[in-house]
Amino acid sequence: MVYANDCDPFPTALKILIAGGFGVGKTTFVGAVSEIEPLSTEELVTAVSAPTDSLEGVEGKTTTTVAMDFGRITLDQSYTLYLFGTPGQERFWFMWDELSNGALGAVILADTRRLDHCFAAVDFFEQRGIGFIVAVNEFDGSHRYTPDEVRAAIDLNPEVPVVMCDARQSSSGTGILVKLIEHLISSVVGRPATEQGLLS
């Protein structure tokens, strides 16, 4: 599709999901890297949700995403990344199928204090054949583990990258997205993207 005056075509939209458990930093991640004011569907955590949304390990959390987060990054005139943060609570998982339609890949955020909370996201993307990486959001005061230790704890396939990040920092989040794209490209061509000269 082109503009009426035959200018350059509209940029190709590339859809990336930011997934993971409740309170792992998905909204923060999208907000840190988005070039626009991100769309957020956060609502206050209330006593009514206490029986279904456990705050164990994230006692200071006061809001929660009830639909999705949305952000955008323009790569160049040809490509634009659209970021969709998935809701973390189990009662909203039904939305994951809809959000994953047409997704290029996913970043699964993990919290070493609650690694079991990312199991559902790992299973979801593995079952659907959607490429992903695991990004460990290093919260202040949390124990530091090596990527190999995290990989063993989650029982990840060896080819899935595990990287460390700070979801609050734009540079860290951007680096994670670059790692994801490198992983997706290398999965297609069968060897590291840097060896192919596809990314620099």
C-alpha atoms as a PDB file:
ATOM      1  CA  MET A   1       0.000   0.000   0.000  1.00  0.00           C
ATOM      2  CA  VAL A   2       1.365   3.450  -0.914  1.00  0.00           C
ATOM      3  CA  TYR A   3       0.383   7.036  -0.429  1.00  0.00           C
ATOM      4  CA  ALA A   4      -1.764   8.719  -3.063  1.00  0.00           C
ATOM      5  CA  ASN A   5       1.226  10.643  -4.425  1.00  0.00           C
ATOM      6  CA  ASP A   6       3.300   7.426  -4.805  1.00  0.00           C
ATOM      7  CA  CYS A   7       5.665   8.285  -1.973  1.00  0.00           C
ATOM      8  CA  ASP A   8       7.456   5.631   0.059  1.00  0.00           C
ATOM      9  CA  PRO A   9       5.176   2.894   1.432  1.00  0.00           C
ATOM     10  CA  PHE A  10       3.926   2.942   4.996  1.00  0.00           C
ATOM     11  CA  PRO A  11       6.375   1.376   7.438  1.00  0.00           C
ATOM     12  CA  THR A  12       6.044  -2.353   8.027  1.00  0.00           C
ATOM     13  CA  ALA A  13       4.552  -2.995  11.474  1.00  0.00           C
ATOM     14  CA  LEU A  14       6.465  -5.479  13.639  1.00  0.00           C
ATOM     15  CA  LYS A  15       4.597  -6.741  16.690  1.00  0.00           C
ATOM     16  CA  ILE A  16       6.513  -7.673  19.844  1.00  0.00           C
ATOM     17  CA  LEU A  17       4.943  -8.968  23.060  1.00  0.00           C
ATOM     18  CA  ILE A  18       6.276  -8.158  26.525  1.00  0.00           C
ATOM     19  CA  ALA A  19       5.066 -10.985  28.746  1.00  0.00           C
ATOM     20  CA  GLY A  20       5.607 -12.451  32.201  1.00  0.00           C
ATOM     21  CA  GLY A  21       4.037 -12.803  35.594  1.00  0.00           C
ATOM     22  CA  PHE A  22       2.148 -10.344  37.762  1.00  0.00           C
ATOM     23  CA  GLY A  23       4.267  -7.395  38.916  1.00  0.00           C
ATOM     24  CA  VAL A  24       7.387  -8.332  36.964  1.00  0.00           C
ATOM     25  CA  GLY A  25       7.838  -4.928  35.281  1.00  0.00           C
ATOM     26  CA  LYS A  26       6.086  -5.187  31.906  1.00  0.00           C
ATOM     27  CA  THR A  27       4.377  -1.793  32.139  1.00  0.00           C
ATOM     28  CA  THR A  28       7.637  -0.200  33.283  1.00  0.00           C
ATOM     29  CA  PHE A  29       9.541  -1.809  30.390  1.00  0.00           C
ATOM     30  CA  VAL A  30       7.097  -0.593  27.724  1.00  0.00           C
ATOM     31  CA  GLY A  31       7.036   2.895  29.216  1.00  0.00           C
ATOM     32  CA  ALA A  32      10.835   3.097  29.310  1.00  0.00           C
ATOM     33  CA  VAL A  33      11.424   2.239  25.642  1.00  0.00           C
ATOM     34  CA  SER A  34       8.355   3.680  23.907  1.00  0.00           C
ATOM     35  CA  GLU A  35       8.859   6.831  21.853  1.00  0.00           C
ATOM     36  CA  ILE A  36       5.251   7.825  22.495  1.00  0.00           C
ATOM     37  CA  GLU A  37       3.295   8.156  25.717  1.00  0.00           C
ATOM     38  CA  PRO A  38       2.387   4.508  26.234  1.00  0.00           C
ATOM     39  CA  LEU A  39      -1.201   3.380  26.407  1.00  0.00           C
ATOM     40  CA  SER A  40      -1.693   1.683  29.754  1.00  0.00           C
ATOM     41  CA  THR A  41      -4.744  -0.047  31.206  1.00  0.00           C
ATOM     42  CA  GLU A  42      -3.591  -0.078  34.815  1.00  0.00           C
ATOM     43  CA  GLU A  43      -6.123  -0.043  37.622  1.00  0.00           C
ATOM     44  CA  LEU A  44      -5.703   0.167  41.374  1.00  0.00           C
ATOM     45  CA  VAL A  45      -5.174  -3.083  43.245  1.00  0.00           C
ATOM     46  CA  THR A  46      -8.009  -3.327  45.766  1.00  0.00           C
ATOM     47  CA  ALA A  47      -8.963  -5.605  48.615  1.00  0.00           C
ATOM     48  CA  VAL A  48     -11.606  -7.155  46.349  1.00  0.00           C
ATOM     49  CA  SER A  49      -8.883  -8.667  44.125  1.00  0.00           C
ATOM     50  CA  ALA A  50      -6.825 -10.012  47.032  1.00  0.00           C
ATOM     51  CA  PRO A  51      -8.192 -13.582  46.810  1.00  0.00           C
ATOM     52  CA  THR A  52      -7.177 -13.855  43.115  1.00  0.00           C
ATOM     53  CA  ASP A  53      -4.141 -11.548  42.764  1.00  0.00           C
ATOM     54  CA  SER A  54      -1.495 -12.550  45.294  1.00  0.00           C
ATOM     55  CA  LEU A  55       0.890  -9.730  46.220  1.00  0.00           C
ATOM     56  CA  GLU A  56       3.454 -12.090  47.720  1.00  0.00           C
ATOM     57  CA  GLY A  57       6.872 -10.746  46.760  1.00  0.00           C
ATOM     58  CA  VAL A  58       5.411  -7.504  45.369  1.00  0.00           C
ATOM     59  CA  GLU A  59       3.682  -6.144  48.449  1.00  0.00           C
ATOM     60  CA  GLY A  60       4.334  -2.548  47.388  1.00  0.00           C
ATOM     61  CA  LYS A  61       2.463  -2.895  44.096  1.00  0.00           C
ATOM     62  CA  THR A  62      -0.595  -0.640  43.970  1.00  0.00           C
ATOM     63  CA  THR A  63      -1.727  -0.965  40.330  1.00  0.00           C
ATOM     64  CA  THR A  64      -2.169  -3.786  37.834  1.00  0.00           C
ATOM     65  CA  THR A  65      -2.645  -4.100  34.066  1.00  0.00           C
ATOM     66  CA  VAL A  66      -6.127  -5.354  33.234  1.00  0.00           C
ATOM     67  CA  ALA A  67      -5.911  -5.450  29.431  1.00  0.00           C
ATOM     68  CA  MET A  68      -2.557  -4.526  27.886  1.00  0.00           C
ATOM     69  CA  ASP A  69       0.180  -1.931  27.608  1.00  0.00           C
ATOM     70  CA  PHE A  70       1.021  -0.445  24.215  1.00  0.00           C
ATOM     71  CA  GLY A  71       4.096   1.411  22.993  1.00  0.00           C
ATOM     72  CA  ARG A  72       5.887   2.200  19.732  1.00  0.00           C
ATOM     73  CA  ILE A  73       9.456   2.433  18.472  1.00  0.00           C
ATOM     74  CA  THR A  74      10.239   3.688  14.958  1.00  0.00           C
ATOM     75  CA  LEU A  75      13.287   1.852  13.661  1.00  0.00           C
ATOM     76  CA  ASP A  76      13.518   3.701  10.337  1.00  0.00           C
ATOM     77  CA  GLN A  77      11.275   4.715   7.430  1.00  0.00           C
ATOM     78  CA  SER A  78      10.623   1.063   6.639  1.00  0.00           C
ATOM     79  CA  TYR A  79       9.965  -0.555  10.037  1.00  0.00           C
ATOM     80  CA  THR A  80       8.102   0.278  13.238  1.00  0.00           C
ATOM     81  CA  LEU A  81       8.007  -1.868  16.360  1.00  0.00           C
ATOM     82  CA  TYR A  82       4.714  -2.061  18.218  1.00  0.00           C
ATOM     83  CA  LEU A  83       5.037  -3.312  21.777  1.00  0.00           C
ATOM     84  CA  PHE A  84       2.175  -5.047  23.553  1.00  0.00           C
ATOM     85  CA  GLY A  85       2.526  -5.760  27.267  1.00  0.00           C
ATOM     86  CA  THR A  86       0.352  -8.683  28.326  1.00  0.00           C
ATOM     87  CA  PRO A  87      -1.591  -8.799  31.606  1.00  0.00           C
ATOM     88  CA  GLY A  88       0.110 -10.954  34.216  1.00  0.00           C
ATOM     89  CA  GLN A  89      -2.807 -12.222  36.293  1.00  0.00           C
ATOM     90  CA  GLU A  90      -4.133 -15.670  35.461  1.00  0.00           C
ATOM     91  CA  ARG A  91      -7.711 -14.385  35.138  1.00  0.00           C
ATOM     92  CA  PHE A  92      -6.640 -12.264  32.131  1.00  0.00           C
ATOM     93  CA  TRP A  93      -4.622 -14.938  30.303  1.00  0.00           C
ATOM     94  CA  PHE A  94      -7.463 -15.431  27.831  1.00  0.00           C
ATOM     95  CA  MET A  95      -6.245 -12.205  26.176  1.00  0.00           C
ATOM     96  CA  TRP A  96      -2.849 -13.693  25.352  1.00  0.00           C
ATOM     97  CA  ASP A  97      -4.175 -15.606  22.337  1.00  0.00           C
ATOM     98  CA  GLU A  98      -5.591 -12.431  20.804  1.00  0.00           C
ATOM     99  CA  LEU A  99      -2.497 -10.366  21.549  1.00  0.00           C
ATOM    100  CA  SER A 100      -0.159 -13.038  20.144  1.00  0.00           C
ATOM    101  CA  ASN A 101      -1.806 -13.060  16.698  1.00  0.00           C
ATOM    102  CA  GLY A 102       0.769 -11.845  14.197  1.00  0.00           C
ATOM    103  CA  ALA A 103       3.503 -11.417  16.803  1.00  0.00           C
ATOM    104  CA  LEU A 104       7.074 -11.517  15.526  1.00  0.00           C
ATOM    105  CA  GLY A 105       8.400 -12.609  18.923  1.00  0.00           C
ATOM    106  CA  ALA A 106       8.284 -11.984  22.648  1.00  0.00           C
ATOM    107  CA  VAL A 107      10.324 -10.849  25.621  1.00  0.00           C
ATOM    108  CA  ILE A 108       9.463 -12.763  28.791  1.00  0.00           C
ATOM    109  CA  LEU A 109      10.356 -10.730  31.855  1.00  0.00           C
ATOM    110  CA  ALA A 110      11.339 -12.762  34.910  1.00  0.00           C
ATOM    111  CA  ASP A 111      11.835 -11.912  38.588  1.00  0.00           C
ATOM    112  CA  THR A 112      14.342 -14.144  40.407  1.00  0.00           C
ATOM    113  CA  ARG A 113      12.277 -13.828  43.596  1.00  0.00           C
ATOM    114  CA  ARG A 114       9.321 -15.460  41.807  1.00  0.00           C
ATOM    115  CA  LEU A 115      10.717 -17.379  38.837  1.00  0.00           C
ATOM    116  CA  ASP A 116       7.752 -19.742  38.825  1.00  0.00           C
ATOM    117  CA  HIS A 117       5.561 -16.826  37.706  1.00  0.00           C
ATOM    118  CA  CYS A 118       7.127 -16.888  34.228  1.00  0.00           C
ATOM    119  CA  PHE A 119       6.475 -20.617  33.609  1.00  0.00           C
ATOM    120  CA  ALA A 120       3.075 -19.967  32.028  1.00  0.00           C
ATOM    121  CA  ALA A 121       4.520 -17.477  29.516  1.00  0.00           C
ATOM    122  CA  VAL A 122       7.358 -19.849  28.573  1.00  0.00           C
ATOM    123  CA  ASP A 123       4.866 -22.682  27.994  1.00  0.00           C
ATOM    124  CA  PHE A 124       2.547 -20.395  26.014  1.00  0.00           C
ATOM    125  CA  PHE A 125       5.165 -19.269  23.488  1.00  0.00           C
ATOM    126  CA  GLU A 126       6.822 -22.677  23.207  1.00  0.00           C
ATOM    127  CA  GLN A 127       3.499 -24.324  22.381  1.00  0.00           C
ATOM    128  CA  ARG A 128       2.723 -21.739  19.698  1.00  0.00           C
ATOM    129  CA  GLY A 129       6.179 -21.712  18.134  1.00  0.00           C
ATOM    130  CA  ILE A 130       6.694 -18.003  18.799  1.00  0.00           C
ATOM    131  CA  GLY A 131      10.353 -17.091  19.313  1.00  0.00           C
ATOM    132  CA  PHE A 132      11.232 -15.475  22.630  1.00  0.00           C
ATOM    133  CA  ILE A 133      14.021 -14.560  25.006  1.00  0.00           C
ATOM    134  CA  VAL A 134      13.942 -14.381  28.808  1.00  0.00           C
ATOM    135  CA  ALA A 135      14.999 -11.069  30.358  1.00  0.00           C
ATOM    136  CA  VAL A 136      15.655 -11.152  34.102  1.00  0.00           C
ATOM    137  CA  ASN A 137      14.521  -7.851  35.595  1.00  0.00           C
ATOM    138  CA  GLU A 138      17.066  -7.236  38.360  1.00  0.00           C
ATOM    139  CA  PHE A 139      15.005  -5.632  41.106  1.00  0.00           C
ATOM    140  CA  ASP A 140      16.799  -3.722  43.850  1.00  0.00           C
ATOM    141  CA  GLY A 141      17.642  -6.076  46.692  1.00  0.00           C
ATOM    142  CA  SER A 142      16.955  -9.273  44.747  1.00  0.00           C
ATOM    143  CA  HIS A 143      19.534 -12.065  44.648  1.00  0.00           C
ATOM    144  CA  ARG A 144      21.699 -12.103  41.531  1.00  0.00           C
ATOM    145  CA  TYR A 145      21.860 -15.322  39.539  1.00  0.00           C
ATOM    146  CA  THR A 146      23.795 -16.137  36.380  1.00  0.00           C
ATOM    147  CA  PRO A 147      21.934 -16.704  33.089  1.00  0.00           C
ATOM    148  CA  ASP A 148      22.819 -20.402  33.255  1.00  0.00           C
ATOM    149  CA  GLU A 149      21.325 -20.687  36.747  1.00  0.00           C
ATOM    150  CA  VAL A 150      18.122 -19.032  35.582  1.00  0.00           C
ATOM    151  CA  ARG A 151      18.014 -21.254  32.481  1.00  0.00           C
ATOM    152  CA  ALA A 152      18.304 -24.382  34.629  1.00  0.00           C
ATOM    153  CA  ALA A 153      15.624 -23.172  37.050  1.00  0.00           C
ATOM    154  CA  ILE A 154      13.163 -22.496  34.213  1.00  0.00           C
ATOM    155  CA  ASP A 155      14.257 -25.597  32.250  1.00  0.00           C
ATOM    156  CA  LEU A 156      14.721 -23.612  29.050  1.00  0.00           C
ATOM    157  CA  ASN A 157      15.958 -24.990  25.763  1.00  0.00           C
ATOM    158  CA  PRO A 158      19.685 -24.199  25.298  1.00  0.00           C
ATOM    159  CA  GLU A 159      19.065 -21.970  22.274  1.00  0.00           C
ATOM    160  CA  VAL A 160      16.782 -19.546  24.154  1.00  0.00           C
ATOM    161  CA  PRO A 161      18.827 -16.520  25.321  1.00  0.00           C
ATOM    162  CA  VAL A 162      18.666 -15.445  28.976  1.00  0.00           C
ATOM    163  CA  VAL A 163      19.768 -11.857  29.576  1.00  0.00           C
ATOM    164  CA  MET A 164      19.770  -9.436  32.507  1.00  0.00           C
ATOM    165  CA  CYS A 165      18.036  -6.066  32.404  1.00  0.00           C
ATOM    166  CA  ASP A 166      16.705  -3.109  34.325  1.00  0.00           C
ATOM    167  CA  ALA A 167      13.182  -2.463  33.038  1.00  0.00           C
ATOM    168  CA  ARG A 168      13.367   1.131  34.278  1.00  0.00           C
ATOM    169  CA  GLN A 169      16.159   2.091  31.890  1.00  0.00           C
ATOM    170  CA  SER A 170      15.493   2.865  28.235  1.00  0.00           C
ATOM    171  CA  SER A 171      18.980   1.756  27.142  1.00  0.00           C
ATOM    172  CA  SER A 172      18.575  -1.582  28.911  1.00  0.00           C
ATOM    173  CA  GLY A 173      15.146  -2.194  27.381  1.00  0.00           C
ATOM    174  CA  THR A 174      16.355  -1.252  23.911  1.00  0.00           C
ATOM    175  CA  GLY A 175      19.258  -3.661  24.304  1.00  0.00           C
ATOM    176  CA  ILE A 176      16.826  -6.434  25.201  1.00  0.00           C
ATOM    177  CA  LEU A 177      14.789  -5.781  22.051  1.00  0.00           C
ATOM    178  CA  VAL A 178      17.975  -5.913  19.959  1.00  0.00           C
ATOM    179  CA  LYS A 179      18.818  -9.285  21.555  1.00  0.00           C
ATOM    180  CA  LEU A 180      15.353 -10.549  20.682  1.00  0.00           C
ATOM    181  CA  ILE A 181      15.659  -9.487  17.042  1.00  0.00           C
ATOM    182  CA  GLU A 182      19.121 -11.066  16.830  1.00  0.00           C
ATOM    183  CA  HIS A 183      17.720 -14.294  18.259  1.00  0.00           C
ATOM    184  CA  LEU A 184      14.798 -14.330  15.834  1.00  0.00           C
ATOM    185  CA  ILE A 185      17.082 -13.722  12.858  1.00  0.00           C
ATOM    186  CA  SER A 186      19.579 -16.369  13.944  1.00  0.00           C
ATOM    187  CA  SER A 187      16.722 -18.842  14.401  1.00  0.00           C
ATOM    188  CA  VAL A 188      15.721 -18.270  10.787  1.00  0.00           C
ATOM    189  CA  VAL A 189      19.161 -18.343   9.179  1.00  0.00           C
ATOM    190  CA  GLY A 190      20.569 -21.048  11.454  1.00  0.00           C
ATOM    191  CA  ARG A 191      23.547 -19.175  12.873  1.00  0.00           C
ATOM    192  CA  PRO A 192      24.215 -16.016  14.935  1.00  0.00           C
ATOM    193  CA  ALA A 193      22.863 -12.854  13.342  1.00  0.00           C
ATOM    194  CA  THR A 194      26.149 -11.000  13.814  1.00  0.00           C
ATOM    195  CA  GLU A 195      27.907 -13.649  11.716  1.00  0.00           C
ATOM    196  CA  GLN A 196      25.398 -13.035   8.947  1.00  0.00           C
ATOM    197  CA  GLY A 197      26.033  -9.298   9.043  1.00  0.00           C
ATOM    198  CA  LEU A 198      22.305  -8.702   9.499  1.00  0.00           C
ATOM    199  CA  LEU A 199      22.708  -6.653  12.642  1.00  0.00           C
ATOM    200  CA  SER A 200      25.544  -4.460  13.821  1.00  0.00           C
END
